[in-house]
PDB file of N, CA and C in Angstrom:
ATOM      1  N   MET A   1     159.343  78.325  97.682  1.00  0.00           N
ATOM      2  CA  MET A   1     157.646  78.293  97.703  1.00  0.00           C
ATOM      3  C   MET A   1     157.541  79.687  96.923  1.00  0.00           C
ATOM      4  N   THR A   2     156.667  79.986  96.076  1.00  0.00           N
ATOM      5  CA  THR A   2     156.642  81.501  95.698  1.00  0.00           C
ATOM      6  C   THR A   2     155.065  81.862  95.449  1.00  0.00           C
ATOM      7  N   THR A   3     154.885  83.153  96.072  1.00  0.00           N
ATOM      8  CA  THR A   3     153.487  83.528  96.085  1.00  0.00           C
ATOM      9  C   THR A   3     153.223  84.727  95.042  1.00  0.00           C
ATOM     10  N   ASP A   4     152.105  84.806  94.335  1.00  0.00           N
ATOM     11  CA  ASP A   4     151.854  85.707  93.537  1.00  0.00           C
ATOM     12  C   ASP A   4     151.172  86.507  94.285  1.00  0.00           C
ATOM     13  N   VAL A   5     151.527  88.005  94.177  1.00  0.00           N
ATOM     14  CA  VAL A   5     150.682  88.997  94.985  1.00  0.00           C
ATOM     15  C   VAL A   5     150.070  90.014  93.971  1.00  0.00           C
ATOM     16  N   ALA A   6     148.827  90.275  93.996  1.00  0.00           N
ATOM     17  CA  ALA A   6     148.365  91.238  92.861  1.00  0.00           C
ATOM     18  C   ALA A   6     148.159  92.449  93.351  1.00  0.00           C
ATOM     19  N   PHE A   7     148.896  93.320  92.743  1.00  0.00           N
ATOM     20  CA  PHE A   7     148.896  94.707  92.845  1.00  0.00           C
ATOM     21  C   PHE A   7     147.733  95.422  92.969  1.00  0.00           C
ATOM     22  N   VAL A   8     147.383  96.012  94.014  1.00  0.00           N
ATOM     23  CA  VAL A   8     146.027  96.774  93.998  1.00  0.00           C
ATOM     24  C   VAL A   8     145.978  98.149  94.003  1.00  0.00           C
ATOM     25  N   SER A   9     145.977  99.215  93.329  1.00  0.00           N
ATOM     26  CA  SER A   9     145.947 100.433  93.574  1.00  0.00           C
ATOM     27  C   SER A   9     145.422 100.866  94.706  1.00  0.00           C
ATOM     28  N   ARG A  10     145.650 102.401  95.233  1.00  0.00           N
ATOM     29  CA  ARG A  10     144.918 102.894  96.259  1.00  0.00           C
ATOM     30  C   ARG A  10     143.732 103.539  95.705  1.00  0.00           C
ATOM     31  N   TYR A  11     143.895 103.966  94.380  1.00  0.00           N
ATOM     32  CA  TYR A  11     142.462 104.416  93.673  1.00  0.00           C
ATOM     33  C   TYR A  11     141.255 103.228  93.493  1.00  0.00           C
ATOM     34  N   ASP A  12     141.902 102.209  93.006  1.00  0.00           N
ATOM     35  CA  ASP A  12     140.836 100.734  93.133  1.00  0.00           C
ATOM     36  C   ASP A  12     140.251 100.554  94.279  1.00  0.00           C
ATOM     37  N   LEU A  13     141.082 100.620  95.431  1.00  0.00           N
ATOM     38  CA  LEU A  13     140.653 100.554  96.705  1.00  0.00           C
ATOM     39  C   LEU A  13     139.559 101.409  97.227  1.00  0.00           C
ATOM     40  N   ARG A  14     139.841 102.543  96.851  1.00  0.00           N
ATOM     41  CA  ARG A  14     138.621 103.770  96.890  1.00  0.00           C
ATOM     42  C   ARG A  14     137.766 103.464  96.240  1.00  0.00           C
ATOM     43  N   VAL A  15     137.541 103.017  95.109  1.00  0.00           N
ATOM     44  CA  VAL A  15     136.403 102.531  94.414  1.00  0.00           C
ATOM     45  C   VAL A  15     135.702 101.499  95.025  1.00  0.00           C
ATOM     46  N   LYS A  16     136.463 100.634  95.057  1.00  0.00           N
ATOM     47  CA  LYS A  16     135.713  99.537  95.691  1.00  0.00           C
ATOM     48  C   LYS A  16     135.156  99.834  97.146  1.00  0.00           C
ATOM     49  N   LEU A  17     135.448 100.812  98.122  1.00  0.00           N
ATOM     50  CA  LEU A  17     135.139 101.178  99.119  1.00  0.00           C
ATOM     51  C   LEU A  17     133.451 101.984  99.147  1.00  0.00           C
ATOM     52  N   VAL A  18     133.822 102.961  97.918  1.00  0.00           N
ATOM     53  CA  VAL A  18     132.452 103.661  97.732  1.00  0.00           C
ATOM     54  C   VAL A  18     131.721 102.817  97.201  1.00  0.00           C
ATOM     55  N   ARG A  19     131.797 101.901  96.003  1.00  0.00           N
ATOM     56  CA  ARG A  19     130.810 101.010  95.554  1.00  0.00           C
ATOM     57  C   ARG A  19     130.218 100.008  96.529  1.00  0.00           C
ATOM     58  N   ASP A  20     130.874  99.580  97.727  1.00  0.00           N
ATOM     59  CA  ASP A  20     130.306  98.811  98.453  1.00  0.00           C
ATOM     60  C   ASP A  20     129.521  99.561  99.933  1.00  0.00           C
ATOM     61  N   VAL A  21     129.762 101.012  99.699  1.00  0.00           N
ATOM     62  CA  VAL A  21     128.634 101.622 100.511  1.00  0.00           C
ATOM     63  C   VAL A  21     127.694 101.780  99.542  1.00  0.00           C
ATOM     64  N   LEU A  22     127.576 102.273  98.352  1.00  0.00           N
ATOM     65  CA  LEU A  22     126.543 102.483  97.422  1.00  0.00           C
ATOM     66  C   LEU A  22     125.800 101.264  97.250  1.00  0.00           C
ATOM     67  N   LYS A  23     126.254  99.902  97.571  1.00  0.00           N
ATOM     68  CA  LYS A  23     125.539  98.731  97.286  1.00  0.00           C
ATOM     69  C   LYS A  23     124.898  98.613  98.423  1.00  0.00           C
ATOM     70  N   GLN A  24     125.530  98.734  99.691  1.00  0.00           N
ATOM     71  CA  GLN A  24     124.632  98.457 100.752  1.00  0.00           C
ATOM     72  C   GLN A  24     123.386  99.285 101.127  1.00  0.00           C
ATOM     73  N   ASN A  25     123.524 100.555 100.492  1.00  0.00           N
ATOM     74  CA  ASN A  25     122.415 101.854 100.730  1.00  0.00           C
ATOM     75  C   ASN A  25     121.594 102.107  99.704  1.00  0.00           C
ATOM     76  N   THR A  26     121.627 101.404  98.462  1.00  0.00           N
ATOM     77  CA  THR A  26     120.794 101.344  97.453  1.00  0.00           C
ATOM     78  C   THR A  26     120.512  99.975  96.556  1.00  0.00           C
ATOM     79  N   LYS A  27     119.658 100.422  95.737  1.00  0.00           N
ATOM     80  CA  LYS A  27     119.389  98.838  95.039  1.00  0.00           C
ATOM     81  C   LYS A  27     119.973  98.976  93.722  1.00  0.00           C
ATOM     82  N   LEU A  28     121.013  99.461  93.410  1.00  0.00           N
ATOM     83  CA  LEU A  28     121.970  99.730  92.113  1.00  0.00           C
ATOM     84  C   LEU A  28     122.484  97.997  92.154  1.00  0.00           C
ATOM     85  N   SER A  29     122.666  98.211  90.658  1.00  0.00           N
ATOM     86  CA  SER A  29     123.128  97.049  90.086  1.00  0.00           C
ATOM     87  C   SER A  29     125.018  97.196  90.440  1.00  0.00           C
ATOM     88  N   ASP A  30     125.509  95.710  90.013  1.00  0.00           N
ATOM     89  CA  ASP A  30     127.104  95.925  90.416  1.00  0.00           C
ATOM     90  C   ASP A  30     127.654  96.888  89.478  1.00  0.00           C
ATOM     91  N   SER A  31     127.295  96.775  88.091  1.00  0.00           N
ATOM     92  CA  SER A  31     128.074  97.878  87.437  1.00  0.00           C
ATOM     93  C   SER A  31     127.771  99.024  87.348  1.00  0.00           C
ATOM     94  N   ALA A  32     126.040  99.549  87.772  1.00  0.00           N
ATOM     95  CA  ALA A  32     125.664 100.995  88.063  1.00  0.00           C
ATOM     96  C   ALA A  32     126.435 101.636  89.132  1.00  0.00           C
ATOM     97  N   GLY A  33     126.838 100.461  90.340  1.00  0.00           N
ATOM     98  CA  GLY A  33     127.341 101.153  91.653  1.00  0.00           C
ATOM     99  C   GLY A  33     128.868 101.325  91.182  1.00  0.00           C
ATOM    100  N   GLN A  34     129.463 100.164  90.224  1.00  0.00           N
ATOM    101  CA  GLN A  34     130.671 100.726  89.836  1.00  0.00           C
ATOM    102  C   GLN A  34     131.067 102.002  89.220  1.00  0.00           C
ATOM    103  N   ALA A  35     130.343 102.174  88.274  1.00  0.00           N
ATOM    104  CA  ALA A  35     130.325 103.814  87.343  1.00  0.00           C
ATOM    105  C   ALA A  35     129.822 104.546  88.120  1.00  0.00           C
ATOM    106  N   LEU A  36     128.803 104.589  89.012  1.00  0.00           N
ATOM    107  CA  LEU A  36     128.459 105.741  89.885  1.00  0.00           C
ATOM    108  C   LEU A  36     129.968 106.378  90.991  1.00  0.00           C
ATOM    109  N   ALA A  37     130.329 105.148  91.584  1.00  0.00           N
ATOM    110  CA  ALA A  37     131.568 105.465  92.514  1.00  0.00           C
ATOM    111  C   ALA A  37     132.552 105.837  91.727  1.00  0.00           C
ATOM    112  N   VAL A  38     133.018 105.577  90.409  1.00  0.00           N
ATOM    113  CA  VAL A  38     133.995 106.280  89.438  1.00  0.00           C
ATOM    114  C   VAL A  38     133.738 107.769  89.487  1.00  0.00           C
ATOM    115  N   GLN A  39     132.381 108.003  89.222  1.00  0.00           N
ATOM    116  CA  GLN A  39     132.134 109.459  88.833  1.00  0.00           C
ATOM    117  C   GLN A  39     132.002 110.073  90.208  1.00  0.00           C
ATOM    118  N   LEU A  40     131.782 109.703  91.272  1.00  0.00           N
ATOM    119  CA  LEU A  40     131.653 110.366  92.591  1.00  0.00           C
ATOM    120  C   LEU A  40     133.273 110.629  92.910  1.00  0.00           C
ATOM    121  N   LEU A  41     133.930 109.460  92.958  1.00  0.00           N
ATOM    122  CA  LEU A  41     135.742 109.895  93.224  1.00  0.00           C
ATOM    123  C   LEU A  41     135.973 110.796  92.481  1.00  0.00           C
ATOM    124  N   HIS A  42     135.977 110.830  90.851  1.00  0.00           N
ATOM    125  CA  HIS A  42     136.340 111.863  89.940  1.00  0.00           C
ATOM    126  C   HIS A  42     135.919 113.309  90.504  1.00  0.00           C
ATOM    127  N   THR A  43     134.589 113.365  90.678  1.00  0.00           N
ATOM    128  CA  THR A  43     134.206 114.691  91.521  1.00  0.00           C
ATOM    129  C   THR A  43     134.821 115.098  92.609  1.00  0.00           C
ATOM    130  N   MET A  44     134.866 114.352  93.492  1.00  0.00           N
ATOM    131  CA  MET A  44     135.576 114.421  94.687  1.00  0.00           C
ATOM    132  C   MET A  44     136.961 114.794  94.526  1.00  0.00           C
ATOM    133  N   ASP A  45     137.602 113.959  93.798  1.00  0.00           N
ATOM    134  CA  ASP A  45     138.965 114.624  93.607  1.00  0.00           C
ATOM    135  C   ASP A  45     139.144 115.915  92.899  1.00  0.00           C
ATOM    136  N   SER A  46     138.169 116.612  91.849  1.00  0.00           N
ATOM    137  CA  SER A  46     138.457 117.768  91.103  1.00  0.00           C
ATOM    138  C   SER A  46     138.251 118.858  92.210  1.00  0.00           C
ATOM    139  N   ILE A  47     137.618 118.463  93.468  1.00  0.00           N
ATOM    140  CA  ILE A  47     137.428 119.975  94.466  1.00  0.00           C
ATOM    141  C   ILE A  47     138.595 119.924  95.023  1.00  0.00           C
ATOM    142  N   LEU A  48     138.822 121.383  94.810  1.00  0.00           N
ATOM    143  CA  LEU A  48     139.896 122.016  95.580  1.00  0.00           C
ATOM    144  C   LEU A  48     140.255 121.397  97.177  1.00  0.00           C
ATOM    145  N   GLU A  49     141.598 121.122  97.218  1.00  0.00           N
ATOM    146  CA  GLU A  49     141.587 120.555  98.530  1.00  0.00           C
ATOM    147  C   GLU A  49     141.306 121.696  99.852  1.00  0.00           C
ATOM    148  N   ARG A  50     141.659 123.022  99.519  1.00  0.00           N
ATOM    149  CA  ARG A  50     141.049 123.652 100.440  1.00  0.00           C
ATOM    150  C   ARG A  50     139.523 123.865 100.834  1.00  0.00           C
ATOM    151  N   MET A  51     138.867 123.446  99.655  1.00  0.00           N
ATOM    152  CA  MET A  51     137.326 123.752  99.624  1.00  0.00           C
ATOM    153  C   MET A  51     136.620 121.938 100.547  1.00  0.00           C
ATOM    154  N   ARG A  52     137.470 121.057 100.651  1.00  0.00           N
ATOM    155  CA  ARG A  52     136.993 120.091 101.078  1.00  0.00           C
ATOM    156  C   ARG A  52     136.769 119.948 102.739  1.00  0.00           C
TER     157      ARG A  52
END
């Protein structure tokens, strides 16, 4: 018996986490929440480590 395991990157997990938080606290659509989550993560990742 074999089981197919789908790979999910750490980045995708982070996007999902941010998207879910946005979805719980706003009235954004799924696609708008996804787009905003990607933008937020890109912005946070571009901030220098010592400034975070």
